[in-house]
Every structure is written in C-alpha cells, then in structure tokens.
Amino acid sequence: RFKGVGKAKAVTIEAALELGKRRLAEKALGCIQIKSSKQAYELVLSELSDNYYEDFYILLLNRSSHLIRKVLVSSGGIGDTIVDPKKIFKIAIDHNASTLILAHNHPTNKLNPSSQDLSLTKKLVKGGNILSILISDHIIVGSDNYFSFADNGLLEEFYEEENPEEIS
C-alpha cells in the first residue's frame, strides 16, 4: 500500500513490530510481583478454571518474586495429567528462576489434593532443594475457588521432612 515498500520489506517491518510487542509483553510480566496465593490463583484462573481436562502450569519467579514467565507444562485428560519433574526444572533453569509456583486444575472441582498431587509436590520440593530452586506454593484450581498447599501448611511439612535439622 505504501510507495517503495514491497512485499519483502513489508514482511520485515511486520516481523520487527511483532518482536517489539513480544519484548514489551515480557517486560510487563517482570513488573508483576507475586506475594500471595490469591495473586498466583488470579494469574492462572483464566487458563485453568472451567477446563474439562487437567492442565499443569508453572509460574517462574526471580529472587524478588517477580514473574518471569507462566508456562504450560502438561495437558492431560479428565482425571490427571503427566508431569515430568525434569521438564519443570529444565524450564526453571533455562529462565534463571529462583522460585516456582505450581498450579493445576481439578475438572471435578474437588479442591483437596490427591495422593498423586502430594507425591509430585514432595518430589519437586526435594528436587528443588538440590537445585536451590524454592517451590513456594502449589495451587489447585476449581471453577470458582482454589486450594493452596502453602496456605494449608503442606509445603512447610515437606520442607521439614527434607531439612529437619534446619527447622529446630
């Protein structure tokens, strides 16, 4: 449409504009500081509420609890999803994350953690200790509410099991 701008130049300009938009979006993410389970819940609510299938996200945070990125790690079926701890920690290391918040939904809207949820969280706390990556919460999202492992003292129990001498 513009004189002197051919198809190749137009594509180059369009790509540059898209890169600029993405860079601004990443900067905006870095401005979000997560200080509570409610804030984390609100960040994943649109992706996880009212889903028919179970999805698992991680929120990657820096040392100041500012959001680096929100990542879909796994998408599964009605009753569960397969989550690979190696994948989670690789993503965290690749983005220089110091802290992780885990989040997934229960399509049944039953918010209590399952035995698989407890086992996975415990495994991730243990792995995080080795890598110096803190698991600060695990949130289970229902259609209109959530359950926080941190708010209910479950993470504290897992950390006590990992480091009993440091707690006393």
Protein backbone atom coordinates (compact mmCIF):
# COMPACT_ATOMS: atom_id res chain seq x y z
CA ARG A 1 0.00 0.00 0.00
CA PHE A 2 2.91 2.37 0.57
CA LYS A 3 5.10 3.60 -2.25
CA GLY A 4 8.54 2.00 -2.13
CA VAL A 5 7.50 -0.77 0.29
CA GLY A 6 7.39 -4.11 -1.43
CA LYS A 7 6.27 -7.47 -0.09
CA ALA A 8 9.70 -8.38 1.35
CA LYS A 9 10.11 -5.04 3.15
CA ALA A 10 6.53 -5.22 4.48
CA VAL A 11 7.20 -8.68 5.96
CA THR A 12 10.41 -7.38 7.59
CA ILE A 13 8.56 -4.42 9.14
CA GLU A 14 5.75 -6.68 10.35
CA ALA A 15 8.26 -9.07 11.97
CA ALA A 16 10.05 -6.17 13.70
CA LEU A 17 6.76 -4.87 15.10
CA GLU A 18 5.86 -8.34 16.39
CA LEU A 19 9.24 -8.68 18.12
CA GLY A 20 8.70 -5.28 19.74
CA LYS A 21 5.27 -6.35 21.02
CA ARG A 22 6.70 -9.54 22.48
CA ARG A 23 9.51 -7.69 24.20
CA LEU A 24 7.05 -5.24 25.78
CA ALA A 25 4.86 -8.13 26.93
CA GLU A 26 7.87 -9.79 28.61
CA LYS A 27 8.76 -6.52 30.35
CA ALA A 28 5.18 -6.23 31.65
CA LEU A 29 5.40 -9.75 33.12
CA GLY A 30 8.51 -8.72 35.06
CA CYS A 31 6.50 -5.98 36.78
CA ILE A 32 4.15 -8.47 38.42
CA GLN A 33 5.26 -9.39 41.93
CA ILE A 34 3.52 -12.38 43.49
CA LYS A 35 3.14 -12.03 47.25
CA SER A 36 0.19 -14.34 47.92
CA SER A 37 -1.56 -17.48 46.79
CA LYS A 38 -4.52 -15.33 45.72
CA GLN A 39 -2.33 -13.39 43.28
CA ALA A 40 -0.97 -16.63 41.83
CA TYR A 41 -4.51 -18.01 41.57
CA GLU A 42 -5.65 -14.91 39.70
CA LEU A 43 -2.74 -15.29 37.26
CA VAL A 44 -3.75 -18.82 36.24
CA LEU A 45 -7.52 -18.58 36.70
CA SER A 46 -8.38 -17.84 33.08
CA GLU A 47 -6.33 -20.80 31.84
CA LEU A 48 -7.42 -23.34 34.45
CA SER A 49 -10.99 -22.68 35.54
CA ASP A 50 -13.84 -24.41 33.74
CA ASN A 51 -11.50 -26.74 31.82
CA TYR A 52 -12.73 -30.21 31.00
CA TYR A 53 -9.16 -31.51 31.09
CA GLU A 54 -6.40 -31.23 33.65
CA ASP A 55 -3.60 -28.78 32.80
CA PHE A 56 -0.43 -28.08 34.78
CA TYR A 57 1.32 -24.68 34.78
CA ILE A 58 4.38 -23.32 36.49
CA LEU A 59 4.96 -19.70 37.41
CA LEU A 60 8.66 -18.86 37.19
CA LEU A 61 9.77 -16.17 39.64
CA ASN A 62 13.03 -14.35 40.26
CA ARG A 63 14.55 -13.74 43.72
CA SER A 64 12.25 -10.76 44.26
CA SER A 65 9.16 -12.86 43.46
CA HIS A 66 8.62 -11.03 40.17
CA LEU A 67 7.05 -13.14 37.47
CA ILE A 68 9.46 -14.19 34.74
CA ARG A 69 7.04 -16.35 32.79
CA LYS A 70 3.96 -18.55 33.03
CA VAL A 71 4.45 -21.92 31.30
CA LEU A 72 2.04 -24.74 30.43
CA VAL A 73 3.99 -27.87 31.34
CA SER A 74 1.41 -30.55 30.71
CA SER A 75 -2.10 -31.03 29.38
CA GLY A 76 -3.89 -34.25 30.18
CA GLY A 77 -7.18 -35.99 30.50
CA ILE A 78 -10.23 -35.68 32.67
CA GLY A 79 -8.67 -37.35 35.71
CA ASP A 80 -4.98 -36.49 35.54
CA THR A 81 -2.01 -35.23 33.60
CA ILE A 82 1.55 -36.48 33.46
CA VAL A 83 4.10 -34.04 34.88
CA ASP A 84 7.81 -34.67 34.42
CA PRO A 85 9.96 -33.04 37.14
CA LYS A 86 12.97 -32.99 34.77
CA LYS A 87 11.00 -30.83 32.33
CA ILE A 88 9.91 -28.46 35.10
CA PHE A 89 13.43 -27.95 36.40
CA LYS A 90 14.89 -27.60 32.90
CA ILE A 91 12.43 -24.78 32.17
CA ALA A 92 13.24 -23.16 35.53
CA ILE A 93 17.00 -23.34 34.91
CA ASP A 94 16.66 -22.10 31.31
CA HIS A 95 14.84 -18.98 32.59
CA ASN A 96 17.08 -18.44 35.66
CA ALA A 97 14.12 -18.87 38.00
CA SER A 98 14.80 -18.90 41.74
CA THR A 99 11.27 -19.83 42.78
CA LEU A 100 8.41 -21.83 41.30
CA ILE A 101 4.71 -21.81 41.94
CA LEU A 102 2.96 -24.93 40.69
CA ALA A 103 -0.65 -24.71 39.52
CA HIS A 104 -3.10 -27.16 38.06
CA ASN A 105 -6.84 -27.63 37.88
CA HIS A 106 -9.21 -30.34 39.01
CA PRO A 107 -12.01 -30.57 36.42
CA THR A 108 -14.14 -32.31 39.07
CA ASN A 109 -13.98 -29.09 41.12
CA LYS A 110 -12.82 -31.11 44.16
CA LEU A 111 -10.01 -28.98 45.55
CA ASN A 112 -8.42 -31.38 48.02
CA PRO A 113 -5.02 -32.62 46.82
CA SER A 114 -4.93 -36.20 45.57
CA SER A 115 -2.22 -38.64 46.64
CA GLN A 116 -0.57 -38.00 43.24
CA ASP A 117 -0.62 -34.24 43.90
CA LEU A 118 1.03 -34.75 47.28
CA SER A 119 3.63 -37.16 45.90
CA LEU A 120 4.55 -34.89 42.97
CA THR A 121 4.83 -31.81 45.18
CA LYS A 122 7.03 -33.65 47.65
CA LYS A 123 9.26 -34.85 44.79
CA LEU A 124 9.54 -31.31 43.39
CA VAL A 125 10.38 -29.86 46.81
CA LYS A 126 13.15 -32.45 47.13
CA GLY A 127 14.50 -31.73 43.64
CA GLY A 128 14.23 -28.00 44.20
CA ASN A 129 16.30 -28.29 47.37
CA ILE A 130 19.09 -29.95 45.42
CA LEU A 131 19.00 -27.24 42.73
CA SER A 132 18.38 -24.31 45.11
CA ILE A 133 15.00 -23.63 43.49
CA LEU A 134 12.26 -22.92 46.00
CA ILE A 135 8.77 -24.36 45.48
CA SER A 136 6.79 -21.60 47.18
CA ASP A 137 3.29 -22.94 46.51
CA HIS A 138 1.17 -25.46 44.65
CA ILE A 139 -2.29 -24.25 43.77
CA ILE A 140 -5.21 -26.45 42.75
CA VAL A 141 -7.82 -24.50 40.81
CA GLY A 142 -11.52 -25.30 40.67
CA SER A 143 -14.24 -23.50 38.76
CA ASP A 144 -14.61 -20.73 41.36
CA ASN A 145 -12.08 -21.35 44.13
CA TYR A 146 -8.62 -22.74 44.86
CA PHE A 147 -6.56 -24.73 47.34
CA SER A 148 -3.07 -23.56 48.31
CA PHE A 149 -0.51 -26.03 49.67
CA ALA A 150 1.38 -23.14 51.32
CA ASP A 151 -1.70 -21.61 52.97
CA ASN A 152 -2.63 -25.03 54.37
CA GLY A 153 0.85 -25.83 55.76
CA LEU A 154 1.57 -28.74 53.42
CA LEU A 155 4.72 -27.26 51.88
CA GLU A 156 6.09 -26.49 55.32
CA GLU A 157 5.68 -30.18 56.20
CA PHE A 158 7.57 -31.23 53.05
CA TYR A 159 10.42 -28.83 53.79
CA GLU A 160 10.58 -30.04 57.40
CA GLU A 161 10.92 -33.63 56.13
CA GLU A 162 13.75 -32.51 53.83
CA ASN A 163 15.64 -30.39 56.40
CA PRO A 164 14.64 -31.47 59.91
CA GLU A 165 17.84 -30.13 61.50
CA GLU A 166 17.39 -26.65 59.98
CA ILE A 167 13.85 -26.18 61.38
CA SER A 168 14.63 -26.77 65.06
